[in-house]
């Protein structure tokens, strides 16, 4: 049951036609893992914590740097040098003490991925390189955990939602390694508000999955070109030879 304080805290989403106290209670019992507490992870973590998810884990092994601050809004100038995961937890606990937030000060990889995501209701991948995205995707496919994937570079971004064994996974959509996977934000740059838009869409997709509302971006990639605000939906489909999800049965997935 929701307390009087929770009813007041979440009042503006509880009055939504698509929402209900039962939906909010499902959120309260749900758990999420956010991989990365940077440009995408900051808005994702803030919105999911504010919305009332019961448990959130923050996975990040980096420390706060000055060059992070124009786009990574969980971190402030006095936080320079602090571990991002720990610093994010401090901010998020202050935002909503009703949410249990824990730091995972490690880099998710092939060795630890399954252990980190096991038991979560949703994983939101806010990592910043191809190898990490593949590791997160493989772990979620192995454990049957829903995943919201995204990337941002310059004034462009994309989001896709994945239900392993049901919809196309990241490896289905992007089977080949990019020509230059390290040519990322450090070389090409990222405009902060673009990351804010894409991260907010990721948070919305996670809430849609957990709350059972709306239509998630399954088998679709939303591509945003923020320079002129062009939005394109690209259809995807499962590949029977996908190394990550080909052997994942749909019956293993949450409803």
Protein backbone atom coordinates (compact mmCIF):
# COMPACT_ATOMS: atom_id res chain seq x y z
CA UNK A 1 0.00 0.00 0.00
CA UNK A 2 1.12 3.56 -0.67
CA UNK A 3 1.61 5.84 2.32
CA UNK A 4 0.03 9.28 2.57
CA UNK A 5 3.44 10.79 1.84
CA UNK A 6 3.82 8.64 -1.27
CA UNK A 7 0.34 9.56 -2.48
CA UNK A 8 1.33 13.22 -2.22
CA UNK A 9 4.78 12.73 -3.75
CA UNK A 10 3.42 10.92 -6.81
CA UNK A 11 0.11 12.79 -7.02
CA UNK A 12 0.69 14.27 -10.48
CA UNK A 13 1.39 10.91 -12.07
CA UNK A 14 -1.32 9.12 -10.11
CA UNK A 15 -3.96 11.36 -11.72
CA UNK A 16 -2.85 10.32 -15.20
CA UNK A 17 -5.50 8.34 -17.04
CA UNK A 18 -2.90 5.71 -17.95
CA UNK A 19 -1.60 5.41 -14.37
CA UNK A 20 -3.18 4.17 -11.12
CA UNK A 21 -2.28 3.39 -7.50
CA UNK A 22 -1.79 -0.22 -8.60
CA UNK A 23 0.66 0.92 -11.27
CA UNK A 24 2.54 2.97 -8.68
CA UNK A 25 2.65 -0.03 -6.35
CA UNK A 26 4.16 -2.13 -9.15
CA UNK A 27 6.82 0.55 -9.55
CA UNK A 28 7.49 0.48 -5.82
CA UNK A 29 8.17 -3.26 -6.00
CA UNK A 30 10.33 -3.01 -9.13
CA UNK A 31 14.09 -2.94 -9.45
CA UNK A 32 16.23 -1.30 -12.11
CA UNK A 33 19.91 -1.34 -12.99
CA UNK A 34 21.34 1.78 -14.64
CA UNK A 35 24.65 1.18 -16.39
CA UNK A 36 26.54 4.46 -16.45
CA UNK A 37 26.05 7.58 -14.34
CA UNK A 38 27.06 10.06 -17.01
CA UNK A 39 25.33 12.06 -19.73
CA UNK A 40 22.51 9.57 -20.31
CA UNK A 41 22.53 7.98 -16.88
CA UNK A 42 22.00 11.30 -15.11
CA UNK A 43 18.50 12.04 -16.49
CA UNK A 44 17.59 8.35 -16.41
CA UNK A 45 18.51 8.01 -12.75
CA UNK A 46 16.84 11.27 -11.74
CA UNK A 47 13.55 10.48 -13.47
CA UNK A 48 13.36 6.84 -12.35
CA UNK A 49 14.17 7.76 -8.77
CA UNK A 50 11.65 10.60 -8.79
CA UNK A 51 8.99 8.32 -10.28
CA UNK A 52 9.24 5.93 -7.35
CA UNK A 53 11.00 2.75 -8.49
CA UNK A 54 11.66 0.70 -5.39
CA UNK A 55 15.28 -0.31 -5.99
CA UNK A 56 17.91 1.14 -8.31
CA UNK A 57 21.52 0.06 -8.81
CA UNK A 58 24.02 2.50 -10.34
CA UNK A 59 26.88 0.82 -12.22
CA UNK A 60 29.90 3.02 -12.97
CA UNK A 61 33.62 2.71 -12.25
CA UNK A 62 34.65 6.25 -13.24
CA UNK A 63 35.36 9.36 -11.18
CA UNK A 64 33.88 12.81 -11.77
CA UNK A 65 35.99 15.00 -14.09
CA UNK A 66 35.63 18.66 -14.95
CA UNK A 67 34.86 17.86 -18.60
CA UNK A 68 31.85 15.80 -17.46
CA UNK A 69 29.94 18.64 -15.88
CA UNK A 70 28.39 20.29 -18.93
CA UNK A 71 26.25 17.21 -19.60
CA UNK A 72 26.35 14.88 -16.56
CA UNK A 73 23.88 16.67 -14.33
CA UNK A 74 24.09 14.37 -11.32
CA UNK A 75 27.58 15.73 -10.66
CA UNK A 76 28.53 19.23 -9.47
CA UNK A 77 31.81 21.15 -9.30
CA UNK A 78 32.48 20.24 -5.63
CA UNK A 79 32.16 16.57 -6.62
CA UNK A 80 35.32 16.53 -8.77
CA UNK A 81 37.35 13.39 -8.11
CA UNK A 82 34.51 11.50 -6.42
CA UNK A 83 33.37 8.10 -7.65
CA UNK A 84 30.41 8.62 -9.97
CA UNK A 85 28.40 5.69 -8.61
CA UNK A 86 28.77 6.81 -5.00
CA UNK A 87 28.12 10.45 -5.83
CA UNK A 88 25.02 9.57 -7.84
CA UNK A 89 23.63 7.58 -4.92
CA UNK A 90 24.03 10.55 -2.57
CA UNK A 91 22.10 12.81 -4.94
CA UNK A 92 19.37 10.26 -5.66
CA UNK A 93 18.78 9.38 -2.02
CA UNK A 94 18.34 13.09 -1.32
CA UNK A 95 15.84 13.35 -4.18
CA UNK A 96 13.68 10.44 -3.03
CA UNK A 97 14.36 8.59 0.23
CA UNK A 98 11.53 6.19 -0.68
CA UNK A 99 13.79 4.63 -3.34
CA UNK A 100 16.58 2.29 -2.26
CA UNK A 101 19.65 3.20 -4.34
CA UNK A 102 22.91 1.27 -4.28
CA UNK A 103 26.26 1.93 -6.00
CA UNK A 104 28.04 -0.68 -8.13
CA UNK A 105 31.50 0.93 -8.58
CA UNK A 106 32.58 -1.52 -11.31
CA UNK A 107 32.61 -1.73 -15.09
CA UNK A 108 30.02 -4.18 -16.39
CA UNK A 109 31.68 -6.70 -18.69
CA UNK A 110 31.27 -10.23 -19.98
CA UNK A 111 32.56 -11.69 -16.72
CA UNK A 112 30.26 -9.91 -14.27
CA UNK A 113 27.33 -8.82 -16.45
CA UNK A 114 24.93 -11.65 -15.69
CA UNK A 115 25.53 -11.38 -11.95
CA UNK A 116 24.83 -7.63 -12.01
CA UNK A 117 21.58 -7.73 -14.00
CA UNK A 118 20.14 -10.98 -12.60
CA UNK A 119 16.87 -10.36 -10.78
CA UNK A 120 16.35 -6.84 -12.13
CA UNK A 121 13.05 -5.96 -13.77
CA UNK A 122 14.70 -3.62 -16.26
CA UNK A 123 18.19 -2.53 -17.22
CA UNK A 124 18.83 0.90 -18.72
CA UNK A 125 22.11 0.97 -20.60
CA UNK A 126 23.74 4.41 -20.53
CA UNK A 127 27.27 3.23 -21.34
CA UNK A 128 29.37 4.98 -23.92
CA UNK A 129 31.07 2.36 -26.09
CA UNK A 130 30.19 -0.53 -28.37
CA UNK A 131 31.92 -3.17 -26.23
CA UNK A 132 29.98 -2.17 -23.10
CA UNK A 133 26.67 -2.12 -24.94
CA UNK A 134 27.32 -5.60 -26.28
CA UNK A 135 28.20 -6.85 -22.79
CA UNK A 136 25.04 -5.35 -21.30
CA UNK A 137 22.91 -6.75 -24.11
CA UNK A 138 24.43 -10.23 -23.75
CA UNK A 139 23.87 -10.23 -20.00
CA UNK A 140 20.24 -9.14 -20.34
CA UNK A 141 19.60 -11.78 -23.01
CA UNK A 142 21.19 -14.46 -20.84
CA UNK A 143 19.11 -13.48 -17.80
CA UNK A 144 15.89 -12.62 -19.65
CA UNK A 145 15.84 -9.02 -18.42
CA UNK A 146 14.21 -6.19 -20.38
CA UNK A 147 16.69 -3.59 -21.63
CA UNK A 148 16.47 0.02 -22.79
CA UNK A 149 19.45 0.86 -24.98
CA UNK A 150 20.59 4.27 -26.25
CA UNK A 151 23.47 6.22 -27.65
CA UNK A 152 24.22 9.89 -28.23
CA UNK A 153 26.91 11.72 -30.18
CA UNK A 154 27.07 15.32 -31.26
CA UNK A 155 23.50 16.43 -31.96
CA UNK A 156 22.21 12.92 -32.71
CA UNK A 157 20.88 10.08 -30.62
CA UNK A 158 18.97 6.82 -30.73
CA UNK A 159 16.88 4.69 -28.38
CA UNK A 160 15.64 1.11 -28.65
CA UNK A 161 13.82 -1.11 -26.17
CA UNK A 162 14.59 -4.81 -25.98
CA UNK A 163 12.66 -7.77 -24.63
CA UNK A 164 15.03 -10.71 -25.15
CA UNK A 165 13.39 -13.62 -26.91
CA UNK A 166 10.51 -11.40 -28.05
CA UNK A 167 12.01 -8.42 -29.90
CA UNK A 168 15.25 -7.64 -31.68
CA UNK A 169 18.18 -7.18 -29.31
CA UNK A 170 21.10 -4.78 -29.70
CA UNK A 171 23.19 -7.39 -31.50
CA UNK A 172 20.32 -8.12 -33.89
CA UNK A 173 20.16 -4.44 -34.82
CA UNK A 174 23.92 -3.80 -34.78
CA UNK A 175 25.68 -7.09 -35.58
CA UNK A 176 28.94 -5.47 -36.72
CA UNK A 177 31.47 -3.52 -34.72
CA UNK A 178 31.65 0.14 -35.79
CA UNK A 179 34.57 1.07 -38.01
CA UNK A 180 36.00 3.32 -35.31
CA UNK A 181 34.31 2.46 -32.00
CA UNK A 182 36.53 4.83 -30.02
CA UNK A 183 35.58 7.88 -32.08
CA UNK A 184 33.08 8.98 -29.46
CA UNK A 185 32.26 11.97 -27.28
CA UNK A 186 35.91 12.84 -26.59
CA UNK A 187 36.60 13.27 -30.32
CA UNK A 188 33.23 14.36 -31.76
CA UNK A 189 31.60 15.98 -28.75
CA UNK A 190 28.13 15.85 -27.20
CA UNK A 191 25.77 18.74 -26.62
CA UNK A 192 24.34 18.36 -23.14
CA UNK A 193 20.63 18.86 -23.88
CA UNK A 194 20.75 16.17 -26.58
CA UNK A 195 21.87 13.66 -23.95
CA UNK A 196 19.11 15.01 -21.71
CA UNK A 197 16.47 14.34 -24.38
CA UNK A 198 17.69 10.83 -25.15
CA UNK A 199 18.12 9.93 -21.48
CA UNK A 200 14.61 11.18 -20.74
CA UNK A 201 13.24 8.95 -23.50
CA UNK A 202 15.12 6.02 -21.97
CA UNK A 203 13.53 6.74 -18.60
CA UNK A 204 10.11 6.93 -20.21
CA UNK A 205 10.64 3.58 -21.94
CA UNK A 206 11.66 1.98 -18.64
CA UNK A 207 8.57 3.34 -16.92
CA UNK A 208 6.37 2.08 -19.76
CA UNK A 209 7.84 -1.40 -19.36
CA UNK A 210 7.52 -1.44 -15.58
CA UNK A 211 4.10 0.20 -15.44
CA UNK A 212 2.62 -1.71 -18.36
CA UNK A 213 1.51 1.51 -20.04
CA UNK A 214 1.92 2.76 -23.58
CA UNK A 215 3.74 1.01 -26.40
CA UNK A 216 7.47 0.48 -25.84
CA UNK A 217 9.96 0.80 -28.69
CA UNK A 218 10.14 -2.95 -29.34
CA UNK A 219 11.47 -3.86 -32.80
CA UNK A 220 11.91 -0.14 -33.48
CA UNK A 221 14.79 2.29 -33.15
CA UNK A 222 13.95 5.92 -32.53
CA UNK A 223 16.59 8.11 -34.16
CA UNK A 224 16.75 11.81 -33.32
CA UNK A 225 18.64 14.47 -35.26
CA UNK A 226 18.42 17.37 -32.85
CA UNK A 227 19.86 19.90 -35.31
CA UNK A 228 16.47 20.07 -37.01
CA UNK A 229 14.49 17.84 -34.58
CA UNK A 230 13.94 15.17 -37.22
CA UNK A 231 12.74 11.91 -35.67
CA UNK A 232 12.84 8.64 -37.55
CA UNK A 233 11.56 5.20 -36.55
CA UNK A 234 13.60 2.35 -38.03
CA UNK A 235 12.07 -1.13 -37.93
CA UNK A 236 14.20 -4.00 -36.64
CA UNK A 237 13.64 -7.72 -36.24
CA UNK A 238 15.23 -10.67 -34.52
CA UNK A 239 17.98 -12.49 -36.37
CA UNK A 240 17.79 -16.29 -36.05
CA UNK A 241 21.59 -16.45 -35.99
CA UNK A 242 22.06 -13.74 -33.35
CA UNK A 243 24.84 -14.72 -30.97
CA UNK A 244 23.16 -12.96 -28.05
CA UNK A 245 19.46 -13.80 -28.23
CA UNK A 246 18.87 -16.60 -30.77
CA UNK A 247 18.55 -19.20 -28.05
CA UNK A 248 16.45 -17.13 -25.64
CA UNK A 249 12.87 -18.45 -25.39
CA UNK A 250 10.05 -15.92 -25.22
CA UNK A 251 8.61 -17.82 -22.26
CA UNK A 252 11.55 -16.66 -20.16
CA UNK A 253 10.49 -13.02 -20.41
CA UNK A 254 8.46 -10.92 -18.03
CA UNK A 255 5.03 -9.80 -19.16
